[in-house]
Amino acid sequence: MFRAILSEGQIVCKEYDRNDEGVDLYDEDEQFIAFVPYTSLNALIDEDVYNEDERSIM
């Protein structure tokens, strides 16, 4: 699962496709959820990495 971080909130999705203007987000059934323009996207995070216990402190 992935998490799209926006300034207005977050969207959880199973898959995404990049294009010239932004990302298309899809659920587990490959159904379109949302289009997020790059100008609105703060981060796209793989939840498997995000939820790991190992943390780096800098």
PDB file of N, CA and C in Angstrom:
ATOM      1  N   MET A   1       0.839  -1.177   0.000  1.00  0.00           N
ATOM      2  CA  MET A   1       0.000   0.000   0.000  1.00  0.00           C
ATOM      3  C   MET A   1       0.887   1.244   0.000  1.00  0.00           C
ATOM      4  N   PHE A   2       0.352   2.289  -0.579  1.00  0.00           N
ATOM      5  CA  PHE A   2       1.044   3.566  -0.651  1.00  0.00           C
ATOM      6  C   PHE A   2       0.179   4.640  -0.003  1.00  0.00           C
ATOM      7  N   ARG A   3       0.819   5.693   0.425  1.00  0.00           N
ATOM      8  CA  ARG A   3       0.120   6.813   1.039  1.00  0.00           C
ATOM      9  C   ARG A   3       0.571   8.084   0.328  1.00  0.00           C
ATOM     10  N   ALA A   4      -0.377   8.767  -0.317  1.00  0.00           N
ATOM     11  CA  ALA A   4      -0.101  10.051  -0.956  1.00  0.00           C
ATOM     12  C   ALA A   4      -0.340  11.134   0.088  1.00  0.00           C
ATOM     13  N   ILE A   5       0.687  11.906   0.378  1.00  0.00           N
ATOM     14  CA  ILE A   5       0.602  12.963   1.382  1.00  0.00           C
ATOM     15  C   ILE A   5       0.357  14.290   0.660  1.00  0.00           C
ATOM     16  N   LEU A   6      -0.755  14.925   0.995  1.00  0.00           N
ATOM     17  CA  LEU A   6      -1.134  16.215   0.433  1.00  0.00           C
ATOM     18  C   LEU A   6      -1.218  17.222   1.564  1.00  0.00           C
ATOM     19  N   SER A   7      -1.179  18.485   1.260  1.00  0.00           N
ATOM     20  CA  SER A   7      -1.321  19.485   2.322  1.00  0.00           C
ATOM     21  C   SER A   7      -2.729  19.451   2.914  1.00  0.00           C
ATOM     22  N   GLU A   8      -3.714  18.963   2.159  1.00  0.00           N
ATOM     23  CA  GLU A   8      -5.095  18.876   2.639  1.00  0.00           C
ATOM     24  C   GLU A   8      -5.405  17.577   3.365  1.00  0.00           C
ATOM     25  N   GLY A   9      -4.512  16.578   3.280  1.00  0.00           N
ATOM     26  CA  GLY A   9      -4.772  15.281   3.908  1.00  0.00           C
ATOM     27  C   GLY A   9      -3.963  14.184   3.250  1.00  0.00           C
ATOM     28  N   GLN A  10      -4.460  12.950   3.343  1.00  0.00           N
ATOM     29  CA  GLN A  10      -3.759  11.787   2.824  1.00  0.00           C
ATOM     30  C   GLN A  10      -4.727  10.888   2.070  1.00  0.00           C
ATOM     31  N   ILE A  11      -4.197  10.177   1.085  1.00  0.00           N
ATOM     32  CA  ILE A  11      -4.984   9.195   0.336  1.00  0.00           C
ATOM     33  C   ILE A  11      -4.187   7.899   0.326  1.00  0.00           C
ATOM     34  N   VAL A  12      -4.807   6.800   0.749  1.00  0.00           N
ATOM     35  CA  VAL A  12      -4.167   5.483   0.735  1.00  0.00           C
ATOM     36  C   VAL A  12      -4.573   4.782  -0.553  1.00  0.00           C
ATOM     37  N   CYS A  13      -3.593   4.160  -1.231  1.00  0.00           N
ATOM     38  CA  CYS A  13      -3.882   3.463  -2.474  1.00  0.00           C
ATOM     39  C   CYS A  13      -3.020   2.203  -2.571  1.00  0.00           C
ATOM     40  N   LYS A  14      -3.421   1.306  -3.425  1.00  0.00           N
ATOM     41  CA  LYS A  14      -2.683   0.064  -3.648  1.00  0.00           C
ATOM     42  C   LYS A  14      -1.626   0.244  -4.734  1.00  0.00           C
ATOM     43  N   GLU A  15      -1.967   0.996  -5.791  1.00  0.00           N
ATOM     44  CA  GLU A  15      -1.061   1.199  -6.914  1.00  0.00           C
ATOM     45  C   GLU A  15      -1.153   2.638  -7.386  1.00  0.00           C
ATOM     46  N   TYR A  16      -0.152   3.057  -8.151  1.00  0.00           N
ATOM     47  CA  TYR A  16      -0.194   4.388  -8.750  1.00  0.00           C
ATOM     48  C   TYR A  16       0.543   4.376 -10.076  1.00  0.00           C
ATOM     49  N   ASP A  17       0.186   5.310 -10.933  1.00  0.00           N
ATOM     50  CA  ASP A  17       0.863   5.517 -12.215  1.00  0.00           C
ATOM     51  C   ASP A  17       1.276   6.969 -12.289  1.00  0.00           C
ATOM     52  N   ARG A  18       2.521   7.194 -12.693  1.00  0.00           N
ATOM     53  CA  ARG A  18       3.017   8.558 -12.896  1.00  0.00           C
ATOM     54  C   ARG A  18       2.732   8.977 -14.329  1.00  0.00           C
ATOM     55  N   ASN A  19       2.437  10.257 -14.513  1.00  0.00           N
ATOM     56  CA  ASN A  19       2.342  10.814 -15.850  1.00  0.00           C
ATOM     57  C   ASN A  19       2.959  12.206 -15.836  1.00  0.00           C
ATOM     58  N   ASP A  20       2.845  12.943 -16.899  1.00  0.00           N
ATOM     59  CA  ASP A  20       3.507  14.243 -17.000  1.00  0.00           C
ATOM     60  C   ASP A  20       2.981  15.270 -16.002  1.00  0.00           C
ATOM     61  N   GLU A  21       1.721  15.176 -15.639  1.00  0.00           N
ATOM     62  CA  GLU A  21       1.080  16.187 -14.795  1.00  0.00           C
ATOM     63  C   GLU A  21       0.954  15.802 -13.324  1.00  0.00           C
ATOM     64  N   GLY A  22       1.018  14.492 -13.009  1.00  0.00           N
ATOM     65  CA  GLY A  22       0.826  14.049 -11.630  1.00  0.00           C
ATOM     66  C   GLY A  22       0.748  12.539 -11.538  1.00  0.00           C
ATOM     67  N   VAL A  23       0.038  12.036 -10.533  1.00  0.00           N
ATOM     68  CA  VAL A  23      -0.105  10.594 -10.335  1.00  0.00           C
ATOM     69  C   VAL A  23      -1.573  10.209 -10.299  1.00  0.00           C
ATOM     70  N   ASP A  24      -1.879   9.047 -10.889  1.00  0.00           N
ATOM     71  CA  ASP A  24      -3.207   8.447 -10.809  1.00  0.00           C
ATOM     72  C   ASP A  24      -3.148   7.383  -9.725  1.00  0.00           C
ATOM     73  N   LEU A  25      -4.088   7.405  -8.780  1.00  0.00           N
ATOM     74  CA  LEU A  25      -4.107   6.466  -7.664  1.00  0.00           C
ATOM     75  C   LEU A  25      -5.211   5.433  -7.873  1.00  0.00           C
ATOM     76  N   TYR A  26      -4.910   4.158  -7.512  1.00  0.00           N
ATOM     77  CA  TYR A  26      -5.843   3.052  -7.713  1.00  0.00           C
ATOM     78  C   TYR A  26      -5.970   2.213  -6.441  1.00  0.00           C
ATOM     79  N   ASP A  27      -7.146   1.612  -6.242  1.00  0.00           N
ATOM     80  CA  ASP A  27      -7.376   0.752  -5.076  1.00  0.00           C
ATOM     81  C   ASP A  27      -6.985  -0.689  -5.375  1.00  0.00           C
ATOM     82  N   GLU A  28      -7.310  -1.615  -4.459  1.00  0.00           N
ATOM     83  CA  GLU A  28      -6.946  -3.025  -4.591  1.00  0.00           C
ATOM     84  C   GLU A  28      -7.568  -3.682  -5.815  1.00  0.00           C
ATOM     85  N   ASP A  29      -8.719  -3.180  -6.246  1.00  0.00           N
ATOM     86  CA  ASP A  29      -9.428  -3.737  -7.400  1.00  0.00           C
ATOM     87  C   ASP A  29      -9.048  -3.041  -8.704  1.00  0.00           C
ATOM     88  N   GLU A  30      -7.971  -2.275  -8.665  1.00  0.00           N
ATOM     89  CA  GLU A  30      -7.475  -1.513  -9.806  1.00  0.00           C
ATOM     90  C   GLU A  30      -8.471  -0.463 -10.287  1.00  0.00           C
ATOM     91  N   GLN A  31      -9.332  -0.012  -9.374  1.00  0.00           N
ATOM     92  CA  GLN A  31     -10.284   1.051  -9.675  1.00  0.00           C
ATOM     93  C   GLN A  31      -9.632   2.397  -9.396  1.00  0.00           C
ATOM     94  N   PHE A  32      -9.855   3.351 -10.283  1.00  0.00           N
ATOM     95  CA  PHE A  32      -9.303   4.694 -10.135  1.00  0.00           C
ATOM     96  C   PHE A  32      -9.858   5.357  -8.878  1.00  0.00           C
ATOM     97  N   ILE A  33      -8.973   5.934  -8.053  1.00  0.00           N
ATOM     98  CA  ILE A  33      -9.383   6.654  -6.844  1.00  0.00           C
ATOM     99  C   ILE A  33      -9.312   8.152  -7.074  1.00  0.00           C
ATOM    100  N   ALA A  34      -8.135   8.617  -7.539  1.00  0.00           N
ATOM    101  CA  ALA A  34      -7.943  10.059  -7.661  1.00  0.00           C
ATOM    102  C   ALA A  34      -6.755  10.367  -8.556  1.00  0.00           C
ATOM    103  N   PHE A  35      -6.794  11.569  -9.107  1.00  0.00           N
ATOM    104  CA  PHE A  35      -5.630  12.134  -9.789  1.00  0.00           C
ATOM    105  C   PHE A  35      -5.079  13.214  -8.873  1.00  0.00           C
ATOM    106  N   VAL A  36      -3.761  13.171  -8.618  1.00  0.00           N
ATOM    107  CA  VAL A  36      -3.116  14.170  -7.766  1.00  0.00           C
ATOM    108  C   VAL A  36      -2.033  14.858  -8.594  1.00  0.00           C
ATOM    109  N   PRO A  37      -2.194  16.155  -8.862  1.00  0.00           N
ATOM    110  CA  PRO A  37      -1.141  16.868  -9.591  1.00  0.00           C
ATOM    111  C   PRO A  37       0.115  16.981  -8.735  1.00  0.00           C
ATOM    112  N   TYR A  38       1.271  16.992  -9.393  1.00  0.00           N
ATOM    113  CA  TYR A  38       2.531  17.093  -8.661  1.00  0.00           C
ATOM    114  C   TYR A  38       2.588  18.344  -7.782  1.00  0.00           C
ATOM    115  N   THR A  39       1.925  19.416  -8.199  1.00  0.00           N
ATOM    116  CA  THR A  39       1.947  20.649  -7.410  1.00  0.00           C
ATOM    117  C   THR A  39       1.230  20.480  -6.073  1.00  0.00           C
ATOM    118  N   SER A  40       0.350  19.493  -5.951  1.00  0.00           N
ATOM    119  CA  SER A  40      -0.378  19.239  -4.700  1.00  0.00           C
ATOM    120  C   SER A  40       0.201  18.087  -3.892  1.00  0.00           C
ATOM    121  N   LEU A  41       1.107  17.319  -4.488  1.00  0.00           N
ATOM    122  CA  LEU A  41       1.660  16.125  -3.853  1.00  0.00           C
ATOM    123  C   LEU A  41       2.916  16.474  -3.058  1.00  0.00           C
ATOM    124  N   ASN A  42       2.855  16.280  -1.742  1.00  0.00           N
ATOM    125  CA  ASN A  42       4.025  16.511  -0.894  1.00  0.00           C
ATOM    126  C   ASN A  42       4.938  15.295  -0.854  1.00  0.00           C
ATOM    127  N   ALA A  43       4.347  14.087  -0.844  1.00  0.00           N
ATOM    128  CA  ALA A  43       5.133  12.853  -0.807  1.00  0.00           C
ATOM    129  C   ALA A  43       4.254  11.680  -1.203  1.00  0.00           C
ATOM    130  N   LEU A  44       4.890  10.631  -1.710  1.00  0.00           N
ATOM    131  CA  LEU A  44       4.220   9.366  -1.988  1.00  0.00           C
ATOM    132  C   LEU A  44       5.046   8.303  -1.286  1.00  0.00           C
ATOM    133  N   ILE A  45       4.504   7.720  -0.243  1.00  0.00           N
ATOM    134  CA  ILE A  45       5.267   6.856   0.659  1.00  0.00           C
ATOM    135  C   ILE A  45       4.784   5.413   0.557  1.00  0.00           C
ATOM    136  N   ASP A  46       5.717   4.480   0.482  1.00  0.00           N
ATOM    137  CA  ASP A  46       5.426   3.054   0.547  1.00  0.00           C
ATOM    138  C   ASP A  46       5.166   2.730   2.020  1.00  0.00           C
ATOM    139  N   GLU A  47       3.949   2.326   2.359  1.00  0.00           N
ATOM    140  CA  GLU A  47       3.609   2.084   3.764  1.00  0.00           C
ATOM    141  C   GLU A  47       4.436   0.975   4.389  1.00  0.00           C
ATOM    142  N   ASP A  48       4.915  -0.010   3.614  1.00  0.00           N
ATOM    143  CA  ASP A  48       5.765  -1.066   4.165  1.00  0.00           C
ATOM    144  C   ASP A  48       7.044  -0.467   4.736  1.00  0.00           C
ATOM    145  N   VAL A  49       7.602   0.504   4.081  1.00  0.00           N
ATOM    146  CA  VAL A  49       8.809   1.174   4.568  1.00  0.00           C
ATOM    147  C   VAL A  49       8.451   2.122   5.706  1.00  0.00           C
ATOM    148  N   TYR A  50       7.353   2.832   5.566  1.00  0.00           N
ATOM    149  CA  TYR A  50       6.905   3.820   6.547  1.00  0.00           C
ATOM    150  C   TYR A  50       6.606   3.182   7.895  1.00  0.00           C
ATOM    151  N   ASN A  51       6.096   1.942   7.913  1.00  0.00           N
ATOM    152  CA  ASN A  51       5.693   1.273   9.150  1.00  0.00           C
ATOM    153  C   ASN A  51       6.789   0.431   9.790  1.00  0.00           C
ATOM    154  N   GLU A  52       7.972   0.361   9.187  1.00  0.00           N
ATOM    155  CA  GLU A  52       9.045  -0.450   9.765  1.00  0.00           C
ATOM    156  C   GLU A  52       9.479   0.124  11.116  1.00  0.00           C
ATOM    157  N   ASP A  53       9.936  -0.766  11.991  1.00  0.00           N
ATOM    158  CA  ASP A  53      10.363  -0.360  13.325  1.00  0.00           C
ATOM    159  C   ASP A  53      11.734   0.299  13.352  1.00  0.00           C
ATOM    160  N   GLU A  54      12.600  -0.058  12.395  1.00  0.00           N
ATOM    161  CA  GLU A  54      13.931   0.517  12.372  1.00  0.00           C
ATOM    162  C   GLU A  54      13.844   1.987  11.985  1.00  0.00           C
ATOM    163  N   ARG A  55      14.466   2.834  12.799  1.00  0.00           N
ATOM    164  CA  ARG A  55      14.411   4.260  12.540  1.00  0.00           C
ATOM    165  C   ARG A  55      15.815   4.829  12.545  1.00  0.00           C
ATOM    166  N   SER A  56      16.024   5.797  11.734  1.00  0.00           N
ATOM    167  CA  SER A  56      17.294   6.487  11.671  1.00  0.00           C
ATOM    168  C   SER A  56      17.128   7.851  12.302  1.00  0.00           C
ATOM    169  N   ILE A  57      18.009   8.186  13.198  1.00  0.00           N
ATOM    170  CA  ILE A  57      17.955   9.498  13.857  1.00  0.00           C
ATOM    171  C   ILE A  57      19.168  10.292  13.403  1.00  0.00           C
ATOM    172  N   MET A  58      18.921  11.428  12.830  1.00  0.00           N
ATOM    173  CA  MET A  58      20.012  12.275  12.347  1.00  0.00           C
ATOM    174  C   MET A  58      19.927  13.615  13.065  1.00  0.00           C
TER     175      MET A  58
END
